[in-house]
Protein backbone atom coordinates (compact mmCIF):
# COMPACT_ATOMS: atom_id res chain seq x y z
CA MET A 1 19.93 -1.45 -6.68
CA ILE A 2 17.07 -1.92 -4.33
CA ASP A 3 14.34 -4.38 -4.98
CA LYS A 4 11.06 -2.68 -5.10
CA ALA A 5 9.31 -5.81 -4.04
CA LYS A 6 11.15 -5.82 -0.79
CA VAL A 7 10.22 -2.26 -0.24
CA GLU A 8 6.65 -2.93 -0.77
CA GLU A 9 6.78 -5.99 1.61
CA ALA A 10 8.17 -3.70 4.44
CA LEU A 11 5.54 -1.20 3.64
CA ASP A 12 2.82 -4.07 4.07
CA GLN A 13 4.12 -4.36 7.54
CA ILE A 14 3.41 -0.51 8.23
CA ARG A 15 0.16 -0.13 6.53
CA PRO A 16 -2.10 -1.72 9.15
CA PHE A 17 -0.90 0.86 11.74
CA LEU A 18 -1.53 3.66 9.33
CA GLN A 19 -4.95 2.30 8.23
CA ALA A 20 -5.93 2.11 11.77
CA ASP A 21 -5.79 5.91 11.91
CA GLY A 22 -7.60 6.38 8.60
CA GLY A 23 -4.12 6.59 6.54
CA ASP A 24 -2.08 4.72 4.12
CA VAL A 25 1.27 4.81 2.49
CA VAL A 26 2.16 4.23 -1.32
CA LEU A 27 5.37 3.78 -3.02
CA VAL A 28 6.12 5.92 -5.41
CA ASP A 29 9.75 5.56 -6.43
CA VAL A 30 12.96 4.16 -5.44
CA SER A 31 16.07 5.58 -6.73
CA ASP A 32 19.62 3.79 -7.46
CA ASP A 33 21.07 5.72 -4.43
CA GLY A 34 18.40 4.26 -1.96
CA VAL A 35 16.24 6.87 -1.72
CA VAL A 36 12.68 5.75 -1.32
CA SER A 37 9.90 8.27 -2.38
CA VAL A 38 6.41 7.60 -0.68
CA GLU A 39 2.85 9.33 -0.66
CA LEU A 40 0.90 9.45 2.62
CA GLN A 41 -2.72 9.20 1.96
CA GLY A 42 -6.01 9.46 3.74
CA ALA A 43 -5.87 10.88 7.14
CA CYS A 44 -1.93 10.88 7.09
CA LYS A 45 -1.87 13.34 3.97
CA GLY A 46 -1.45 16.67 5.45
CA CYS A 47 -1.37 15.78 9.08
CA PRO A 48 0.91 17.81 11.14
CA MET A 49 2.67 14.62 12.46
CA SER A 50 3.34 13.14 8.76
CA GLN A 51 6.94 13.95 9.18
CA LEU A 52 7.38 12.16 12.28
CA THR A 53 5.43 9.25 10.82
CA LEU A 54 7.87 9.13 8.05
CA ALA A 55 10.95 9.26 9.94
CA ASN A 56 9.76 7.33 13.11
CA SER A 57 7.82 4.70 11.35
CA VAL A 58 8.16 4.32 7.68
CA GLU A 59 11.84 5.10 7.37
CA ARG A 60 12.89 3.18 10.34
CA VAL A 61 11.12 0.11 9.17
CA LEU A 62 12.25 0.33 5.75
CA LYS A 63 15.89 0.63 6.82
CA GLU A 64 15.41 -2.29 9.14
CA GLN A 65 13.93 -4.58 6.53
CA VAL A 66 15.73 -3.48 3.51
CA PRO A 67 19.26 -2.24 4.64
CA GLU A 68 19.95 -0.48 1.03
CA VAL A 69 17.54 2.12 1.71
CA SER A 70 19.35 5.32 2.52
CA LYS A 71 16.36 7.65 3.41
CA VAL A 72 12.68 8.06 2.83
CA ILE A 73 11.20 11.25 1.48
CA PRO A 74 7.59 12.56 0.79
CA ALA A 75 6.71 12.30 -2.76
CA SER A 76 6.05 15.90 -3.13
CA LEU A 77 9.56 16.93 -2.63
């Protein structure tokens, strides 16, 4: 089982970069199989680059910081 506090700590490392562009990320859920559901907010929500942000920034950092994370998905799925 993944520690949600560790996931939040990892997201805290990403937030300043997203906030610099007028966006943010919120943890919605962490499943037992390592799937992390997040919601992009602000300028990031609906941005054409949001999938790249999830894959290249959020997912990469979460997997580095919390190895139990298998993937990151947008909460709307």
